[in-house]
Amino acid sequence: MSLSNKLTLDKLNVKAKWVIMRVDFNVPVKNNQRTNNQRIKAAIPGIKFCLDNGAKSLVLMSHLGLPDGAPTPDKPVAWSQLL
Protein backbone atom coordinates (compact mmCIF):
# COMPACT_ATOMS: atom_id res chain seq x y z
CA MET A 1 0.00 0.00 0.00
CA SER A 2 1.41 3.34 -0.95
CA LEU A 3 1.48 6.18 1.56
CA SER A 4 -1.03 8.14 -0.51
CA ASN A 5 -3.66 5.42 0.11
CA LYS A 6 -3.33 5.40 3.89
CA LEU A 7 -6.13 6.70 6.04
CA THR A 8 -5.03 9.71 8.05
CA LEU A 9 -6.33 10.87 11.40
CA ASP A 10 -7.88 14.04 10.00
CA LYS A 11 -10.21 11.89 7.84
CA LEU A 12 -11.65 10.04 10.84
CA ASN A 13 -14.75 10.94 12.81
CA VAL A 14 -13.79 10.33 16.44
CA LYS A 15 -16.70 12.21 18.02
CA ALA A 16 -18.20 10.18 20.91
CA LYS A 17 -16.02 7.16 20.03
CA TRP A 18 -13.55 5.13 22.04
CA VAL A 19 -10.11 5.55 20.45
CA ILE A 20 -7.06 3.35 20.96
CA MET A 21 -3.92 5.02 19.62
CA ARG A 22 -0.63 3.19 19.21
CA VAL A 23 2.08 5.73 19.99
CA ASP A 24 5.85 5.41 19.92
CA PHE A 25 6.90 6.36 23.44
CA ASN A 26 9.94 4.07 23.32
CA VAL A 27 12.30 6.91 24.21
CA PRO A 28 15.93 6.60 25.30
CA VAL A 29 16.40 6.60 29.07
CA LYS A 30 19.59 7.00 31.06
CA ASN A 31 19.68 7.00 34.87
CA ASN A 32 15.86 6.94 34.93
CA GLN A 33 15.70 10.19 32.93
CA ARG A 34 14.49 10.65 29.35
CA THR A 35 17.39 11.73 27.20
CA ASN A 36 15.24 12.60 24.18
CA ASN A 37 11.48 13.25 24.24
CA GLN A 38 11.01 13.89 20.51
CA ARG A 39 8.80 10.79 20.05
CA ILE A 40 6.50 11.95 22.83
CA LYS A 41 6.27 15.43 21.32
CA ALA A 42 5.50 13.91 17.91
CA ALA A 43 2.39 12.19 19.33
CA ILE A 44 0.87 15.39 20.74
CA PRO A 45 -0.91 16.57 17.54
CA GLY A 46 -2.71 13.23 17.18
CA ILE A 47 -3.67 13.18 20.85
CA LYS A 48 -4.94 16.76 20.68
CA PHE A 49 -6.89 15.97 17.51
CA CYS A 50 -8.81 13.18 19.23
CA LEU A 51 -9.50 15.22 22.36
CA ASP A 52 -10.43 18.38 20.46
CA ASN A 53 -12.79 16.44 18.17
CA GLY A 54 -14.85 14.88 20.94
CA ALA A 55 -13.42 11.40 21.41
CA LYS A 56 -15.33 9.75 24.26
CA SER A 57 -12.16 8.12 25.55
CA LEU A 58 -8.56 7.95 24.38
CA VAL A 59 -6.26 5.08 25.31
CA LEU A 60 -2.57 5.38 24.44
CA MET A 61 -0.63 2.16 23.86
CA SER A 62 3.15 1.97 23.78
CA HIS A 63 6.14 0.14 25.20
CA LEU A 64 9.45 1.12 26.68
CA GLY A 65 12.61 -0.81 25.94
CA LEU A 66 13.13 -4.54 25.59
CA PRO A 67 13.02 -7.16 28.37
CA ASP A 68 16.62 -7.68 29.52
CA GLY A 69 17.72 -5.67 26.48
CA ALA A 70 16.81 -8.43 24.02
CA PRO A 71 13.72 -9.35 22.01
CA THR A 72 11.58 -12.25 23.24
CA PRO A 73 9.81 -13.66 20.18
CA ASP A 74 7.53 -16.04 22.12
CA LYS A 75 5.84 -13.38 24.27
CA PRO A 76 3.80 -11.60 21.55
CA VAL A 77 2.35 -14.97 20.56
CA ALA A 78 1.43 -15.73 24.16
CA TRP A 79 -0.40 -12.40 24.45
CA SER A 80 -2.29 -12.88 21.19
CA GLN A 81 -3.48 -16.29 22.39
CA LEU A 82 -4.91 -14.68 25.52
CA LEU A 83 -6.87 -12.18 23.43
PDB file of N, CA and C in Angstrom:
ATOM      1  N   MET A   1       0.854  -1.179   0.000  1.00  0.00           N
ATOM      2  CA  MET A   1       0.000   0.000   0.000  1.00  0.00           C
ATOM      3  C   MET A   1       0.893   1.234   0.000  1.00  0.00           C
ATOM      4  N   SER A   2       0.614   2.118  -0.906  1.00  0.00           N
ATOM      5  CA  SER A   2       1.409   3.341  -0.952  1.00  0.00           C
ATOM      6  C   SER A   2       0.957   4.296   0.150  1.00  0.00           C
ATOM      7  N   LEU A   3       1.810   5.215   0.506  1.00  0.00           N
ATOM      8  CA  LEU A   3       1.480   6.176   1.559  1.00  0.00           C
ATOM      9  C   LEU A   3       0.287   7.044   1.185  1.00  0.00           C
ATOM     10  N   SER A   4       0.085   7.286  -0.100  1.00  0.00           N
ATOM     11  CA  SER A   4      -1.034   8.138  -0.514  1.00  0.00           C
ATOM     12  C   SER A   4      -2.383   7.473  -0.281  1.00  0.00           C
ATOM     13  N   ASN A   5      -2.410   6.145  -0.123  1.00  0.00           N
ATOM     14  CA  ASN A   5      -3.664   5.420   0.106  1.00  0.00           C
ATOM     15  C   ASN A   5      -3.981   5.222   1.580  1.00  0.00           C
ATOM     16  N   LYS A   6      -3.105   5.628   2.458  1.00  0.00           N
ATOM     17  CA  LYS A   6      -3.325   5.399   3.890  1.00  0.00           C
ATOM     18  C   LYS A   6      -4.336   6.381   4.455  1.00  0.00           C
ATOM     19  N   LEU A   7      -5.152   5.872   5.346  1.00  0.00           N
ATOM     20  CA  LEU A   7      -6.132   6.700   6.038  1.00  0.00           C
ATOM     21  C   LEU A   7      -5.405   7.544   7.079  1.00  0.00           C
ATOM     22  N   THR A   8      -5.676   8.826   7.088  1.00  0.00           N
ATOM     23  CA  THR A   8      -5.028   9.712   8.050  1.00  0.00           C
ATOM     24  C   THR A   8      -6.030  10.130   9.120  1.00  0.00           C
ATOM     25  N   LEU A   9      -5.509  10.530  10.251  1.00  0.00           N
ATOM     26  CA  LEU A   9      -6.331  10.869  11.404  1.00  0.00           C
ATOM     27  C   LEU A   9      -7.354  11.956  11.092  1.00  0.00           C
ATOM     28  N   ASP A  10      -6.962  12.934  10.296  1.00  0.00           N
ATOM     29  CA  ASP A  10      -7.882  14.038  10.001  1.00  0.00           C
ATOM     30  C   ASP A  10      -9.085  13.611   9.160  1.00  0.00           C
ATOM     31  N   LYS A  11      -9.069  12.389   8.625  1.00  0.00           N
ATOM     32  CA  LYS A  11     -10.206  11.888   7.841  1.00  0.00           C
ATOM     33  C   LYS A  11     -11.148  11.028   8.683  1.00  0.00           C
ATOM     34  N   LEU A  12     -10.838  10.875   9.956  1.00  0.00           N
ATOM     35  CA  LEU A  12     -11.653  10.037  10.836  1.00  0.00           C
ATOM     36  C   LEU A  12     -12.616  10.874  11.664  1.00  0.00           C
ATOM     37  N   ASN A  13     -13.782  10.318  11.906  1.00  0.00           N
ATOM     38  CA  ASN A  13     -14.749  10.935  12.809  1.00  0.00           C
ATOM     39  C   ASN A  13     -14.602  10.247  14.165  1.00  0.00           C
ATOM     40  N   VAL A  14     -14.023  10.927  15.122  1.00  0.00           N
ATOM     41  CA  VAL A  14     -13.787  10.332  16.436  1.00  0.00           C
ATOM     42  C   VAL A  14     -14.801  10.796  17.477  1.00  0.00           C
ATOM     43  N   LYS A  15     -15.727  11.643  17.080  1.00  0.00           N
ATOM     44  CA  LYS A  15     -16.701  12.206  18.024  1.00  0.00           C
ATOM     45  C   LYS A  15     -17.482  11.089  18.720  1.00  0.00           C
ATOM     46  N   ALA A  16     -17.474  11.125  20.048  1.00  0.00           N
ATOM     47  CA  ALA A  16     -18.197  10.182  20.910  1.00  0.00           C
ATOM     48  C   ALA A  16     -17.749   8.733  20.717  1.00  0.00           C
ATOM     49  N   LYS A  17     -16.525   8.520  20.241  1.00  0.00           N
ATOM     50  CA  LYS A  17     -16.019   7.161  20.032  1.00  0.00           C
ATOM     51  C   LYS A  17     -14.863   6.874  20.981  1.00  0.00           C
ATOM     52  N   TRP A  18     -14.691   5.588  21.266  1.00  0.00           N
ATOM     53  CA  TRP A  18     -13.546   5.127  22.040  1.00  0.00           C
ATOM     54  C   TRP A  18     -12.388   4.974  21.060  1.00  0.00           C
ATOM     55  N   VAL A  19     -11.260   5.572  21.354  1.00  0.00           N
ATOM     56  CA  VAL A  19     -10.113   5.550  20.450  1.00  0.00           C
ATOM     57  C   VAL A  19      -8.928   4.898  21.154  1.00  0.00           C
ATOM     58  N   ILE A  20      -8.314   3.933  20.480  1.00  0.00           N
ATOM     59  CA  ILE A  20      -7.059   3.347  20.955  1.00  0.00           C
ATOM     60  C   ILE A  20      -5.990   3.796  19.974  1.00  0.00           C
ATOM     61  N   MET A  21      -4.981   4.486  20.476  1.00  0.00           N
ATOM     62  CA  MET A  21      -3.923   5.020  19.621  1.00  0.00           C
ATOM     63  C   MET A  21      -2.594   4.366  19.990  1.00  0.00           C
ATOM     64  N   ARG A  22      -1.961   3.762  19.002  1.00  0.00           N
ATOM     65  CA  ARG A  22      -0.630   3.190  19.207  1.00  0.00           C
ATOM     66  C   ARG A  22       0.373   4.323  19.006  1.00  0.00           C
ATOM     67  N   VAL A  23       1.105   4.645  20.050  1.00  0.00           N
ATOM     68  CA  VAL A  23       2.082   5.729  19.995  1.00  0.00           C
ATOM     69  C   VAL A  23       3.479   5.169  20.248  1.00  0.00           C
ATOM     70  N   ASP A  24       4.470   5.845  19.740  1.00  0.00           N
ATOM     71  CA  ASP A  24       5.853   5.412  19.919  1.00  0.00           C
ATOM     72  C   ASP A  24       6.483   6.213  21.054  1.00  0.00           C
ATOM     73  N   PHE A  25       6.296   5.719  22.270  1.00  0.00           N
ATOM     74  CA  PHE A  25       6.895   6.361  23.436  1.00  0.00           C
ATOM     75  C   PHE A  25       8.152   5.618  23.879  1.00  0.00           C
ATOM     76  N   ASN A  26       8.719   4.806  23.006  1.00  0.00           N
ATOM     77  CA  ASN A  26       9.937   4.072  23.321  1.00  0.00           C
ATOM     78  C   ASN A  26      11.123   5.033  23.205  1.00  0.00           C
ATOM     79  N   VAL A  27      11.281   5.860  24.220  1.00  0.00           N
ATOM     80  CA  VAL A  27      12.299   6.914  24.215  1.00  0.00           C
ATOM     81  C   VAL A  27      13.549   6.448  24.959  1.00  0.00           C
ATOM     82  N   PRO A  28      14.701   6.975  24.595  1.00  0.00           N
ATOM     83  CA  PRO A  28      15.925   6.597  25.300  1.00  0.00           C
ATOM     84  C   PRO A  28      15.921   7.118  26.741  1.00  0.00           C
ATOM     85  N   VAL A  29      16.365   6.259  27.641  1.00  0.00           N
ATOM     86  CA  VAL A  29      16.401   6.599  29.066  1.00  0.00           C
ATOM     87  C   VAL A  29      17.793   6.289  29.605  1.00  0.00           C
ATOM     88  N   LYS A  30      18.309   7.218  30.391  1.00  0.00           N
ATOM     89  CA  LYS A  30      19.594   7.004  31.057  1.00  0.00           C
ATOM     90  C   LYS A  30      19.457   7.507  32.485  1.00  0.00           C
ATOM     91  N   ASN A  31      19.810   6.668  33.449  1.00  0.00           N
ATOM     92  CA  ASN A  31      19.684   7.003  34.871  1.00  0.00           C
ATOM     93  C   ASN A  31      18.257   7.421  35.218  1.00  0.00           C
ATOM     94  N   ASN A  32      17.283   6.687  34.698  1.00  0.00           N
ATOM     95  CA  ASN A  32      15.856   6.937  34.934  1.00  0.00           C
ATOM     96  C   ASN A  32      15.385   8.305  34.450  1.00  0.00           C
ATOM     97  N   GLN A  33      16.087   8.904  33.510  1.00  0.00           N
ATOM     98  CA  GLN A  33      15.696  10.191  32.931  1.00  0.00           C
ATOM     99  C   GLN A  33      15.618  10.044  31.411  1.00  0.00           C
ATOM    100  N   ARG A  34      14.582  10.635  30.818  1.00  0.00           N
ATOM    101  CA  ARG A  34      14.489  10.648  29.354  1.00  0.00           C
ATOM    102  C   ARG A  34      15.634  11.486  28.805  1.00  0.00           C
ATOM    103  N   THR A  35      16.313  10.960  27.813  1.00  0.00           N
ATOM    104  CA  THR A  35      17.393  11.730  27.201  1.00  0.00           C
ATOM    105  C   THR A  35      16.940  12.398  25.905  1.00  0.00           C
ATOM    106  N   ASN A  36      15.789  11.996  25.393  1.00  0.00           N
ATOM    107  CA  ASN A  36      15.239  12.601  24.182  1.00  0.00           C
ATOM    108  C   ASN A  36      13.730  12.360  24.197  1.00  0.00           C
ATOM    109  N   ASN A  37      12.937  13.411  24.180  1.00  0.00           N
ATOM    110  CA  ASN A  37      11.482  13.252  24.239  1.00  0.00           C
ATOM    111  C   ASN A  37      10.804  13.574  22.906  1.00  0.00           C
ATOM    112  N   GLN A  38      11.556  13.533  21.817  1.00  0.00           N
ATOM    113  CA  GLN A  38      11.009  13.891  20.508  1.00  0.00           C
ATOM    114  C   GLN A  38       9.833  12.997  20.113  1.00  0.00           C
ATOM    115  N   ARG A  39       9.889  11.705  20.417  1.00  0.00           N
ATOM    116  CA  ARG A  39       8.797  10.794  20.051  1.00  0.00           C
ATOM    117  C   ARG A  39       7.518  11.139  20.813  1.00  0.00           C
ATOM    118  N   ILE A  40       7.667  11.547  22.046  1.00  0.00           N
ATOM    119  CA  ILE A  40       6.499  11.949  22.834  1.00  0.00           C
ATOM    120  C   ILE A  40       5.900  13.221  22.248  1.00  0.00           C
ATOM    121  N   LYS A  41       6.750  14.187  21.928  1.00  0.00           N
ATOM    122  CA  LYS A  41       6.271  15.433  21.320  1.00  0.00           C
ATOM    123  C   LYS A  41       5.577  15.174  19.984  1.00  0.00           C
ATOM    124  N   ALA A  42       6.075  14.208  19.217  1.00  0.00           N
ATOM    125  CA  ALA A  42       5.496  13.906  17.907  1.00  0.00           C
ATOM    126  C   ALA A  42       4.076  13.357  18.019  1.00  0.00           C
ATOM    127  N   ALA A  43       3.726  12.758  19.145  1.00  0.00           N
ATOM    128  CA  ALA A  43       2.393  12.188  19.328  1.00  0.00           C
ATOM    129  C   ALA A  43       1.356  13.232  19.733  1.00  0.00           C
ATOM    130  N   ILE A  44       1.789  14.382  20.208  1.00  0.00           N
ATOM    131  CA  ILE A  44       0.866  15.391  20.740  1.00  0.00           C
ATOM    132  C   ILE A  44      -0.186  15.850  19.733  1.00  0.00           C
ATOM    133  N   PRO A  45       0.148  16.135  18.474  1.00  0.00           N
ATOM    134  CA  PRO A  45      -0.906  16.568  17.542  1.00  0.00           C
ATOM    135  C   PRO A  45      -2.029  15.538  17.376  1.00  0.00           C
ATOM    136  N   GLY A  46      -1.687  14.270  17.306  1.00  0.00           N
ATOM    137  CA  GLY A  46      -2.707  13.229  17.181  1.00  0.00           C
ATOM    138  C   GLY A  46      -3.569  13.114  18.428  1.00  0.00           C
ATOM    139  N   ILE A  47      -2.938  13.224  19.584  1.00  0.00           N
ATOM    140  CA  ILE A  47      -3.669  13.176  20.854  1.00  0.00           C
ATOM    141  C   ILE A  47      -4.616  14.365  20.951  1.00  0.00           C
ATOM    142  N   LYS A  48      -4.102  15.554  20.638  1.00  0.00           N
ATOM    143  CA  LYS A  48      -4.939  16.759  20.676  1.00  0.00           C
ATOM    144  C   LYS A  48      -6.094  16.664  19.681  1.00  0.00           C
ATOM    145  N   PHE A  49      -5.832  16.113  18.501  1.00  0.00           N
ATOM    146  CA  PHE A  49      -6.892  15.971  17.506  1.00  0.00           C
ATOM    147  C   PHE A  49      -8.055  15.166  18.078  1.00  0.00           C
ATOM    148  N   CYS A  50      -7.750  14.034  18.676  1.00  0.00           N
ATOM    149  CA  CYS A  50      -8.807  13.178  19.233  1.00  0.00           C
ATOM    150  C   CYS A  50      -9.565  13.889  20.348  1.00  0.00           C
ATOM    151  N   LEU A  51      -8.848  14.529  21.242  1.00  0.00           N
ATOM    152  CA  LEU A  51      -9.496  15.215  22.360  1.00  0.00           C
ATOM    153  C   LEU A  51     -10.301  16.422  21.889  1.00  0.00           C
ATOM    154  N   ASP A  52      -9.748  17.190  20.958  1.00  0.00           N
ATOM    155  CA  ASP A  52     -10.434  18.384  20.456  1.00  0.00           C
ATOM    156  C   ASP A  52     -11.649  18.055  19.596  1.00  0.00           C
ATOM    157  N   ASN A  53     -11.687  16.834  19.043  1.00  0.00           N
ATOM    158  CA  ASN A  53     -12.788  16.443  18.171  1.00  0.00           C
ATOM    159  C   ASN A  53     -13.771  15.506  18.854  1.00  0.00           C
ATOM    160  N   GLY A  54     -13.789  15.522  20.176  1.00  0.00           N
ATOM    161  CA  GLY A  54     -14.847  14.877  20.935  1.00  0.00           C
ATOM    162  C   GLY A  54     -14.746  13.389  21.155  1.00  0.00           C
ATOM    163  N   ALA A  55     -13.539  12.817  21.110  1.00  0.00           N
ATOM    164  CA  ALA A  55     -13.415  11.395  21.411  1.00  0.00           C
ATOM    165  C   ALA A  55     -13.956  11.139  22.817  1.00  0.00           C
ATOM    166  N   LYS A  56     -14.741  10.083  22.956  1.00  0.00           N
ATOM    167  CA  LYS A  56     -15.328   9.751  24.259  1.00  0.00           C
ATOM    168  C   LYS A  56     -14.232   9.334  25.239  1.00  0.00           C
ATOM    169  N   SER A  57     -13.271   8.585  24.728  1.00  0.00           N
ATOM    170  CA  SER A  57     -12.162   8.118  25.550  1.00  0.00           C
ATOM    171  C   SER A  57     -10.964   7.912  24.633  1.00  0.00           C
ATOM    172  N   LEU A  58      -9.781   8.141  25.153  1.00  0.00           N
ATOM    173  CA  LEU A  58      -8.556   7.953  24.375  1.00  0.00           C
ATOM    174  C   LEU A  58      -7.586   7.123  25.195  1.00  0.00           C
ATOM    175  N   VAL A  59      -7.214   5.961  24.666  1.00  0.00           N
ATOM    176  CA  VAL A  59      -6.256   5.075  25.315  1.00  0.00           C
ATOM    177  C   VAL A  59      -4.984   5.092  24.484  1.00  0.00           C
ATOM    178  N   LEU A  60      -3.863   5.379  25.125  1.00  0.00           N
ATOM    179  CA  LEU A  60      -2.575   5.381  24.441  1.00  0.00           C
ATOM    180  C   LEU A  60      -1.849   4.078  24.745  1.00  0.00           C
ATOM    181  N   MET A  61      -1.364   3.423  23.698  1.00  0.00           N
ATOM    182  CA  MET A  61      -0.635   2.163  23.864  1.00  0.00           C
ATOM    183  C   MET A  61       0.792   2.347  23.370  1.00  0.00           C
ATOM    184  N   SER A  62       1.754   1.875  24.161  1.00  0.00           N
ATOM    185  CA  SER A  62       3.153   1.965  23.778  1.00  0.00           C
ATOM    186  C   SER A  62       3.942   0.904  24.525  1.00  0.00           C
ATOM    187  N   HIS A  63       5.243   0.983  24.418  1.00  0.00           N
ATOM    188  CA  HIS A  63       6.137   0.136  25.200  1.00  0.00           C
ATOM    189  C   HIS A  63       7.399   0.939  25.468  1.00  0.00           C
ATOM    190  N   LEU A  64       8.189   0.449  26.371  1.00  0.00           N
ATOM    191  CA  LEU A  64       9.450   1.122  26.683  1.00  0.00           C
ATOM    192  C   LEU A  64      10.536   0.069  26.802  1.00  0.00           C
ATOM    193  N   GLY A  65      11.474   0.092  25.889  1.00  0.00           N
ATOM    194  CA  GLY A  65      12.613  -0.814  25.941  1.00  0.00           C
ATOM    195  C   GLY A  65      12.275  -2.253  25.623  1.00  0.00           C
ATOM    196  N   LEU A  66      13.259  -3.105  25.820  1.00  0.00           N
ATOM    197  CA  LEU A  66      13.127  -4.540  25.593  1.00  0.00           C
ATOM    198  C   LEU A  66      13.419  -5.272  26.893  1.00  0.00           C
ATOM    199  N   PRO A  67      12.736  -6.397  27.152  1.00  0.00           N
ATOM    200  CA  PRO A  67      13.024  -7.159  28.368  1.00  0.00           C
ATOM    201  C   PRO A  67      14.481  -7.633  28.367  1.00  0.00           C
ATOM    202  N   ASP A  68      15.199  -7.314  29.388  1.00  0.00           N
ATOM    203  CA  ASP A  68      16.616  -7.683  29.523  1.00  0.00           C
ATOM    204  C   ASP A  68      17.439  -7.224  28.324  1.00  0.00           C
ATOM    205  N   GLY A  69      16.974  -6.210  27.613  1.00  0.00           N
ATOM    206  CA  GLY A  69      17.717  -5.666  26.485  1.00  0.00           C
ATOM    207  C   GLY A  69      17.692  -6.504  25.223  1.00  0.00           C
ATOM    208  N   ALA A  70      16.853  -7.558  25.198  1.00  0.00           N
ATOM    209  CA  ALA A  70      16.813  -8.434  24.023  1.00  0.00           C
ATOM    210  C   ALA A  70      15.369  -8.773  23.675  1.00  0.00           C
ATOM    211  N   PRO A  71      15.081  -8.982  22.392  1.00  0.00           N
ATOM    212  CA  PRO A  71      13.720  -9.353  22.009  1.00  0.00           C
ATOM    213  C   PRO A  71      13.355 -10.737  22.531  1.00  0.00           C
ATOM    214  N   THR A  72      12.085 -10.941  22.817  1.00  0.00           N
ATOM    215  CA  THR A  72      11.579 -12.247  23.242  1.00  0.00           C
ATOM    216  C   THR A  72      10.455 -12.642  22.287  1.00  0.00           C
ATOM    217  N   PRO A  73      10.779 -13.387  21.230  1.00  0.00           N
ATOM    218  CA  PRO A  73       9.807 -13.657  20.176  1.00  0.00           C
ATOM    219  C   PRO A  73       8.590 -14.458  20.624  1.00  0.00           C
ATOM    220  N   ASP A  74       8.672 -15.236  21.697  1.00  0.00           N
ATOM    221  CA  ASP A  74       7.527 -16.040  22.115  1.00  0.00           C
ATOM    222  C   ASP A  74       6.461 -15.236  22.846  1.00  0.00           C
ATOM    223  N   LYS A  75       6.800 -14.132  23.461  1.00  0.00           N
ATOM    224  CA  LYS A  75       5.842 -13.379  24.270  1.00  0.00           C
ATOM    225  C   LYS A  75       4.710 -12.753  23.464  1.00  0.00           C
ATOM    226  N   PRO A  76       4.947 -12.141  22.290  1.00  0.00           N
ATOM    227  CA  PRO A  76       3.802 -11.599  21.548  1.00  0.00           C
ATOM    228  C   PRO A  76       2.781 -12.676  21.198  1.00  0.00           C
ATOM    229  N   VAL A  77       3.262 -13.877  20.882  1.00  0.00           N
ATOM    230  CA  VAL A  77       2.350 -14.973  20.558  1.00  0.00           C
ATOM    231  C   VAL A  77       1.520 -15.333  21.780  1.00  0.00           C
ATOM    232  N   ALA A  78       2.158 -15.396  22.936  1.00  0.00           N
ATOM    233  CA  ALA A  78       1.432 -15.726  24.160  1.00  0.00           C
ATOM    234  C   ALA A  78       0.332 -14.708  24.428  1.00  0.00           C
ATOM    235  N   TRP A  79       0.618 -13.430  24.231  1.00  0.00           N
ATOM    236  CA  TRP A  79      -0.398 -12.401  24.450  1.00  0.00           C
ATOM    237  C   TRP A  79      -1.536 -12.543  23.453  1.00  0.00           C
ATOM    238  N   SER A  80      -1.225 -12.788  22.186  1.00  0.00           N
ATOM    239  CA  SER A  80      -2.287 -12.881  21.186  1.00  0.00           C
ATOM    240  C   SER A  80      -3.191 -14.069  21.470  1.00  0.00           C
ATOM    241  N   GLN A  81      -2.653 -15.140  22.054  1.00  0.00           N
ATOM    242  CA  GLN A  81      -3.479 -16.291  22.388  1.00  0.00           C
ATOM    243  C   GLN A  81      -4.432 -15.962  23.531  1.00  0.00           C
ATOM    244  N   LEU A  82      -4.033 -15.075  24.430  1.00  0.00           N
ATOM    245  CA  LEU A  82      -4.912 -14.675  25.525  1.00  0.00           C
ATOM    246  C   LEU A  82      -6.066 -13.815  25.030  1.00  0.00           C
ATOM    247  N   LEU A  83      -5.825 -13.052  23.967  1.00  0.00           N
ATOM    248  CA  LEU A  83      -6.865 -12.178  23.431  1.00  0.00           C
ATOM    249  C   LEU A  83      -7.873 -12.998  22.682  1.00  0.00           C
TER     250      LEU A  83
END
